[in-house]
Amino acid sequence: MKTKKLILSAIICVFYFSGYAQEKKDNFTESLKSVKVVVLKLYGNTTIETSRLNEIKVVSNLFIEGSIWGWQYPKERPLFKIEARQSNDTLFLRTPIIFKPSSIGVSTYVENIETSIQIPGDKQIIIQKADNLIIKDEFISIDICNTDELNYEFIKKLKVKMLLCKANEKLIINGKQKGNNYEFQGTGNGNYILKANKITVTIK
């Protein structure tokens, strides 16, 4: 009986309550005068639109719901911070990662990250990874390598040189579902390579 009580006490000591009701925010702004290429890794829900200024502006907001009753690893959430570095004419930027701790016990812990990014339309944009992505404006060159869900809200047909869409699951062009691949070549100067599990594109 004493042994069972000791084991139970040890388990109780290991378990702890982790409760969250918080919001966090991080900002990043930097001139792009010496930058031609912007490489992005994006987590959570991200919206990208053009900037009138020759700078990049990023705002990330973290929303947390729920708690963990039990053992959690890591015990603390990593620092919520946008990371950026420049190499020659290329800026590499990563938004904060969604924290998914391992746990033993009862967990209702969920994170949601909302990020808005403004980039000048004349920069070459490479998105190496994204979760849920919305692009609101035109860019001269955009290459999306790996995304879960992509919604490109506006591409002007007259400005397209090459548009290539490759969807693993679903591709919708102007409200109509297509096959997994779509390609269009025009007389403009815009290059768009879009790869995602689900793609929605509006071409006008």
C-alpha atoms as a PDB file:
ATOM      1  CA  MET A   1       0.000   0.000   0.000  1.00  0.00           C
ATOM      2  CA  LYS A   2       2.827   2.380   0.910  1.00  0.00           C
ATOM      3  CA  THR A   3       4.549   1.608  -2.396  1.00  0.00           C
ATOM      4  CA  LYS A   4       1.392   2.468  -4.358  1.00  0.00           C
ATOM      5  CA  LYS A   5       1.040   5.747  -2.451  1.00  0.00           C
ATOM      6  CA  LEU A   6       4.650   6.659  -3.200  1.00  0.00           C
ATOM      7  CA  ILE A   7       4.180   5.928  -6.907  1.00  0.00           C
ATOM      8  CA  LEU A   8       0.985   7.996  -6.962  1.00  0.00           C
ATOM      9  CA  SER A   9       2.729  10.843  -5.172  1.00  0.00           C
ATOM     10  CA  ALA A  10       5.591  10.741  -7.666  1.00  0.00           C
ATOM     11  CA  ILE A  11       3.165  10.881 -10.594  1.00  0.00           C
ATOM     12  CA  ILE A  12       1.359  13.836  -9.040  1.00  0.00           C
ATOM     13  CA  CYS A  13       4.683  15.622  -8.575  1.00  0.00           C
ATOM     14  CA  VAL A  14       5.556  15.141 -12.236  1.00  0.00           C
ATOM     15  CA  PHE A  15       2.176  16.406 -13.431  1.00  0.00           C
ATOM     16  CA  TYR A  16       1.484  20.102 -13.368  1.00  0.00           C
ATOM     17  CA  PHE A  17      -1.108  22.548 -14.635  1.00  0.00           C
ATOM     18  CA  SER A  18      -0.176  24.782 -17.529  1.00  0.00           C
ATOM     19  CA  GLY A  19      -2.797  27.427 -18.215  1.00  0.00           C
ATOM     20  CA  TYR A  20      -2.686  30.121 -20.916  1.00  0.00           C
ATOM     21  CA  ALA A  21      -4.863  33.091 -21.741  1.00  0.00           C
ATOM     22  CA  GLN A  22      -2.482  35.387 -23.533  1.00  0.00           C
ATOM     23  CA  GLU A  23      -1.648  37.194 -26.725  1.00  0.00           C
ATOM     24  CA  LYS A  24       1.802  37.974 -28.036  1.00  0.00           C
ATOM     25  CA  LYS A  25       2.980  40.182 -30.864  1.00  0.00           C
ATOM     26  CA  ASP A  26       6.206  40.756 -32.771  1.00  0.00           C
ATOM     27  CA  ASN A  27       7.058  43.321 -35.463  1.00  0.00           C
ATOM     28  CA  PHE A  28       9.787  43.538 -38.065  1.00  0.00           C
ATOM     29  CA  THR A  29      10.492  46.407 -40.477  1.00  0.00           C
ATOM     30  CA  GLU A  30      13.567  46.791 -42.669  1.00  0.00           C
ATOM     31  CA  SER A  31      14.597  48.726 -45.756  1.00  0.00           C
ATOM     32  CA  LEU A  32      14.940  46.688 -48.961  1.00  0.00           C
ATOM     33  CA  LYS A  33      17.102  49.167 -50.882  1.00  0.00           C
ATOM     34  CA  SER A  34      19.893  46.607 -51.289  1.00  0.00           C
ATOM     35  CA  VAL A  35      17.568  43.584 -51.543  1.00  0.00           C
ATOM     36  CA  LYS A  36      16.297  42.001 -54.767  1.00  0.00           C
ATOM     37  CA  VAL A  37      15.096  38.627 -53.443  1.00  0.00           C
ATOM     38  CA  VAL A  38      13.002  37.859 -50.348  1.00  0.00           C
ATOM     39  CA  VAL A  39      12.910  34.231 -49.142  1.00  0.00           C
ATOM     40  CA  LEU A  40      10.147  33.377 -46.658  1.00  0.00           C
ATOM     41  CA  LYS A  41       9.233  30.549 -44.297  1.00  0.00           C
ATOM     42  CA  LEU A  42       5.749  31.128 -42.934  1.00  0.00           C
ATOM     43  CA  TYR A  43       3.756  29.485 -40.159  1.00  0.00           C
ATOM     44  CA  GLY A  44       0.085  29.786 -39.277  1.00  0.00           C
ATOM     45  CA  ASN A  45      -2.153  32.104 -41.302  1.00  0.00           C
ATOM     46  CA  THR A  46      -0.295  34.637 -43.443  1.00  0.00           C
ATOM     47  CA  THR A  47      -1.501  37.474 -45.675  1.00  0.00           C
ATOM     48  CA  ILE A  48       0.874  39.127 -48.147  1.00  0.00           C
ATOM     49  CA  GLU A  49       0.228  42.400 -49.962  1.00  0.00           C
ATOM     50  CA  THR A  50       2.314  44.992 -51.757  1.00  0.00           C
ATOM     51  CA  SER A  51       3.972  47.923 -50.027  1.00  0.00           C
ATOM     52  CA  ARG A  52       4.238  51.454 -51.391  1.00  0.00           C
ATOM     53  CA  LEU A  53       7.537  51.881 -49.555  1.00  0.00           C
ATOM     54  CA  ASN A  54      10.807  50.132 -50.393  1.00  0.00           C
ATOM     55  CA  GLU A  55      10.736  48.146 -47.194  1.00  0.00           C
ATOM     56  CA  ILE A  56       9.354  44.947 -45.739  1.00  0.00           C
ATOM     57  CA  LYS A  57       6.949  45.143 -42.826  1.00  0.00           C
ATOM     58  CA  VAL A  58       5.914  42.048 -40.883  1.00  0.00           C
ATOM     59  CA  VAL A  59       3.477  41.823 -37.963  1.00  0.00           C
ATOM     60  CA  SER A  60       2.877  38.457 -36.245  1.00  0.00           C
ATOM     61  CA  ASN A  61       0.236  37.900 -33.569  1.00  0.00           C
ATOM     62  CA  LEU A  62       0.011  34.808 -31.379  1.00  0.00           C
ATOM     63  CA  PHE A  63      -3.320  33.699 -29.939  1.00  0.00           C
ATOM     64  CA  ILE A  64      -3.391  30.886 -27.375  1.00  0.00           C
ATOM     65  CA  GLU A  65      -6.353  28.903 -26.132  1.00  0.00           C
ATOM     66  CA  GLY A  66      -6.636  26.051 -23.673  1.00  0.00           C
ATOM     67  CA  SER A  67      -4.314  24.464 -21.163  1.00  0.00           C
ATOM     68  CA  ILE A  68      -2.311  21.350 -20.413  1.00  0.00           C
ATOM     69  CA  TRP A  69      -3.031  19.303 -17.311  1.00  0.00           C
ATOM     70  CA  GLY A  70      -0.114  16.961 -16.997  1.00  0.00           C
ATOM     71  CA  TRP A  71       3.468  16.575 -18.152  1.00  0.00           C
ATOM     72  CA  GLN A  72       4.641  18.830 -20.984  1.00  0.00           C
ATOM     73  CA  TYR A  73       7.854  18.985 -23.000  1.00  0.00           C
ATOM     74  CA  PRO A  74       9.345  21.479 -23.589  1.00  0.00           C
ATOM     75  CA  LYS A  75       8.073  23.067 -20.421  1.00  0.00           C
ATOM     76  CA  GLU A  76       8.308  26.631 -21.770  1.00  0.00           C
ATOM     77  CA  ARG A  77       7.254  28.026 -25.121  1.00  0.00           C
ATOM     78  CA  PRO A  78      10.132  29.203 -27.344  1.00  0.00           C
ATOM     79  CA  LEU A  79      10.527  32.952 -27.780  1.00  0.00           C
ATOM     80  CA  PHE A  80       7.869  34.364 -30.098  1.00  0.00           C
ATOM     81  CA  LYS A  81      10.057  36.241 -32.548  1.00  0.00           C
ATOM     82  CA  ILE A  82      10.414  36.958 -36.271  1.00  0.00           C
ATOM     83  CA  GLU A  83      13.866  35.944 -37.505  1.00  0.00           C
ATOM     84  CA  ALA A  84      15.621  37.634 -40.428  1.00  0.00           C
ATOM     85  CA  ARG A  85      19.084  37.820 -41.963  1.00  0.00           C
ATOM     86  CA  GLN A  86      20.470  39.265 -45.183  1.00  0.00           C
ATOM     87  CA  SER A  87      23.043  37.629 -47.454  1.00  0.00           C
ATOM     88  CA  ASN A  88      24.185  39.801 -50.370  1.00  0.00           C
ATOM     89  CA  ASP A  89      21.000  40.898 -52.190  1.00  0.00           C
ATOM     90  CA  THR A  90      18.755  38.270 -50.537  1.00  0.00           C
ATOM     91  CA  LEU A  91      16.736  38.630 -47.331  1.00  0.00           C
ATOM     92  CA  PHE A  92      15.793  35.432 -45.508  1.00  0.00           C
ATOM     93  CA  LEU A  93      12.859  35.745 -43.101  1.00  0.00           C
ATOM     94  CA  ARG A  94      11.006  33.265 -40.914  1.00  0.00           C
ATOM     95  CA  THR A  95       7.869  33.988 -38.933  1.00  0.00           C
ATOM     96  CA  PRO A  96       7.412  32.413 -35.465  1.00  0.00           C
ATOM     97  CA  ILE A  97       6.759  28.665 -35.418  1.00  0.00           C
ATOM     98  CA  ILE A  98       3.570  27.217 -33.934  1.00  0.00           C
ATOM     99  CA  PHE A  99       4.412  25.551 -30.608  1.00  0.00           C
ATOM    100  CA  LYS A 100       3.152  21.958 -30.336  1.00  0.00           C
ATOM    101  CA  PRO A 101       4.489  20.505 -27.072  1.00  0.00           C
ATOM    102  CA  SER A 102       4.445  16.823 -26.262  1.00  0.00           C
ATOM    103  CA  SER A 103       2.236  16.035 -23.291  1.00  0.00           C
ATOM    104  CA  ILE A 104       0.969  13.256 -21.065  1.00  0.00           C
ATOM    105  CA  GLY A 105      -2.362  14.047 -19.502  1.00  0.00           C
ATOM    106  CA  VAL A 106      -5.230  16.223 -20.716  1.00  0.00           C
ATOM    107  CA  SER A 107      -4.440  18.921 -23.272  1.00  0.00           C
ATOM    108  CA  THR A 108      -6.727  21.552 -24.810  1.00  0.00           C
ATOM    109  CA  TYR A 109      -3.777  23.756 -25.772  1.00  0.00           C
ATOM    110  CA  VAL A 110      -4.027  25.310 -29.260  1.00  0.00           C
ATOM    111  CA  GLU A 111      -2.033  28.094 -30.891  1.00  0.00           C
ATOM    112  CA  ASN A 112      -3.048  30.321 -33.798  1.00  0.00           C
ATOM    113  CA  ILE A 113      -0.614  32.703 -35.490  1.00  0.00           C
ATOM    114  CA  GLU A 114      -1.837  35.531 -37.726  1.00  0.00           C
ATOM    115  CA  THR A 115       0.818  37.318 -39.790  1.00  0.00           C
ATOM    116  CA  SER A 116       0.582  40.226 -42.225  1.00  0.00           C
ATOM    117  CA  ILE A 117       3.453  41.027 -44.588  1.00  0.00           C
ATOM    118  CA  GLN A 118       3.964  44.009 -46.871  1.00  0.00           C
ATOM    119  CA  ILE A 119       6.609  43.744 -49.620  1.00  0.00           C
ATOM    120  CA  PRO A 120       7.276  45.968 -52.657  1.00  0.00           C
ATOM    121  CA  GLY A 121       5.823  44.433 -55.815  1.00  0.00           C
ATOM    122  CA  ASP A 122       9.110  44.602 -57.753  1.00  0.00           C
ATOM    123  CA  LYS A 123      10.961  42.146 -55.487  1.00  0.00           C
ATOM    124  CA  GLN A 124      11.432  38.480 -56.339  1.00  0.00           C
ATOM    125  CA  ILE A 125       9.625  36.455 -53.683  1.00  0.00           C
ATOM    126  CA  ILE A 126      10.384  32.828 -52.870  1.00  0.00           C
ATOM    127  CA  ILE A 127       8.167  31.112 -50.300  1.00  0.00           C
ATOM    128  CA  GLN A 128       9.877  27.925 -49.182  1.00  0.00           C
ATOM    129  CA  LYS A 129       7.104  26.884 -46.797  1.00  0.00           C
ATOM    130  CA  ALA A 130       3.721  28.143 -45.674  1.00  0.00           C
ATOM    131  CA  ASP A 131       0.663  26.814 -43.877  1.00  0.00           C
ATOM    132  CA  ASN A 132      -2.336  28.909 -44.933  1.00  0.00           C
ATOM    133  CA  LEU A 133      -1.431  31.727 -47.296  1.00  0.00           C
ATOM    134  CA  ILE A 134      -3.400  34.591 -48.844  1.00  0.00           C
ATOM    135  CA  ILE A 135      -1.807  36.857 -51.460  1.00  0.00           C
ATOM    136  CA  LYS A 136      -3.798  39.994 -52.190  1.00  0.00           C
ATOM    137  CA  ASP A 137      -1.766  41.816 -54.845  1.00  0.00           C
ATOM    138  CA  GLU A 138       0.410  41.316 -57.912  1.00  0.00           C
ATOM    139  CA  PHE A 139       4.157  40.804 -57.752  1.00  0.00           C
ATOM    140  CA  ILE A 140       6.696  40.758 -60.569  1.00  0.00           C
ATOM    141  CA  SER A 141       7.952  37.309 -59.544  1.00  0.00           C
ATOM    142  CA  ILE A 142       6.634  34.881 -56.968  1.00  0.00           C
ATOM    143  CA  ASP A 143       7.666  31.256 -56.468  1.00  0.00           C
ATOM    144  CA  ILE A 144       5.678  29.279 -53.890  1.00  0.00           C
ATOM    145  CA  CYS A 145       7.397  25.966 -53.246  1.00  0.00           C
ATOM    146  CA  ASN A 146       5.357  24.275 -50.524  1.00  0.00           C
ATOM    147  CA  THR A 147       2.066  25.429 -49.039  1.00  0.00           C
ATOM    148  CA  ASP A 148      -0.918  23.754 -47.467  1.00  0.00           C
ATOM    149  CA  GLU A 149      -3.653  26.146 -48.636  1.00  0.00           C
ATOM    150  CA  LEU A 150      -3.052  29.044 -51.034  1.00  0.00           C
ATOM    151  CA  ASN A 151      -5.517  31.735 -52.072  1.00  0.00           C
ATOM    152  CA  TYR A 152      -4.124  34.152 -54.677  1.00  0.00           C
ATOM    153  CA  GLU A 153      -6.849  36.774 -54.794  1.00  0.00           C
ATOM    154  CA  PHE A 154      -5.800  38.809 -57.821  1.00  0.00           C
ATOM    155  CA  ILE A 155      -3.615  38.203 -60.872  1.00  0.00           C
ATOM    156  CA  LYS A 156      -4.017  40.503 -63.880  1.00  0.00           C
ATOM    157  CA  LYS A 157      -3.956  38.390 -67.048  1.00  0.00           C
ATOM    158  CA  LEU A 158      -2.364  41.121 -69.181  1.00  0.00           C
ATOM    159  CA  LYS A 159       0.637  41.275 -66.848  1.00  0.00           C
ATOM    160  CA  VAL A 160       1.363  37.532 -66.832  1.00  0.00           C
ATOM    161  CA  LYS A 161       4.385  36.141 -68.637  1.00  0.00           C
ATOM    162  CA  MET A 162       4.070  32.694 -67.062  1.00  0.00           C
ATOM    163  CA  LEU A 163       1.609  31.256 -64.568  1.00  0.00           C
ATOM    164  CA  LEU A 164       2.086  27.685 -63.357  1.00  0.00           C
ATOM    165  CA  CYS A 165      -0.153  26.037 -60.753  1.00  0.00           C
ATOM    166  CA  LYS A 166       0.449  22.584 -59.284  1.00  0.00           C
ATOM    167  CA  ALA A 167      -2.016  21.370 -56.652  1.00  0.00           C
ATOM    168  CA  ASN A 168      -1.741  18.071 -54.803  1.00  0.00           C
ATOM    169  CA  GLU A 169      -5.437  17.967 -53.855  1.00  0.00           C
ATOM    170  CA  LYS A 170      -7.581  20.724 -55.364  1.00  0.00           C
ATOM    171  CA  LEU A 171      -7.136  23.540 -57.884  1.00  0.00           C
ATOM    172  CA  ILE A 172      -9.766  26.230 -58.403  1.00  0.00           C
ATOM    173  CA  ILE A 173      -9.361  28.900 -61.105  1.00  0.00           C
ATOM    174  CA  ASN A 174     -11.928  31.725 -61.138  1.00  0.00           C
ATOM    175  CA  GLY A 175     -14.362  29.645 -59.093  1.00  0.00           C
ATOM    176  CA  LYS A 176     -14.124  26.522 -61.262  1.00  0.00           C
ATOM    177  CA  GLN A 177     -12.336  23.362 -60.222  1.00  0.00           C
ATOM    178  CA  LYS A 178      -9.613  22.249 -62.622  1.00  0.00           C
ATOM    179  CA  GLY A 179      -7.265  19.293 -62.751  1.00  0.00           C
ATOM    180  CA  ASN A 180      -4.183  19.312 -60.574  1.00  0.00           C
ATOM    181  CA  ASN A 181      -2.147  21.386 -63.054  1.00  0.00           C
ATOM    182  CA  TYR A 182      -2.756  24.674 -64.846  1.00  0.00           C
ATOM    183  CA  GLU A 183      -0.421  26.689 -67.050  1.00  0.00           C
ATOM    184  CA  PHE A 184      -0.832  30.003 -68.847  1.00  0.00           C
ATOM    185  CA  GLN A 185       1.685  32.002 -70.883  1.00  0.00           C
ATOM    186  CA  GLY A 186       1.100  35.628 -71.773  1.00  0.00           C
ATOM    187  CA  THR A 187       2.818  38.772 -72.998  1.00  0.00           C
ATOM    188  CA  GLY A 188       3.395  40.461 -69.636  1.00  0.00           C
ATOM    189  CA  ASN A 189       6.429  40.311 -67.355  1.00  0.00           C
ATOM    190  CA  GLY A 190       5.047  38.586 -64.269  1.00  0.00           C
ATOM    191  CA  ASN A 191       6.166  35.084 -63.337  1.00  0.00           C
ATOM    192  CA  TYR A 192       4.054  33.011 -60.944  1.00  0.00           C
ATOM    193  CA  ILE A 193       4.909  29.482 -59.824  1.00  0.00           C
ATOM    194  CA  LEU A 194       2.318  28.240 -57.344  1.00  0.00           C
ATOM    195  CA  LYS A 195       2.621  24.868 -55.614  1.00  0.00           C
ATOM    196  CA  ALA A 196       0.331  23.830 -52.754  1.00  0.00           C
ATOM    197  CA  ASN A 197      -2.024  21.133 -51.562  1.00  0.00           C
ATOM    198  CA  LYS A 198      -5.045  23.362 -52.280  1.00  0.00           C
ATOM    199  CA  ILE A 199      -4.909  26.360 -54.607  1.00  0.00           C
ATOM    200  CA  THR A 200      -7.505  29.029 -55.345  1.00  0.00           C
ATOM    201  CA  VAL A 201      -6.608  31.668 -57.950  1.00  0.00           C
ATOM    202  CA  THR A 202      -8.561  34.602 -59.345  1.00  0.00           C
ATOM    203  CA  ILE A 203      -7.363  35.839 -62.761  1.00  0.00           C
ATOM    204  CA  LYS A 204      -8.853  39.038 -64.185  1.00  0.00           C
END
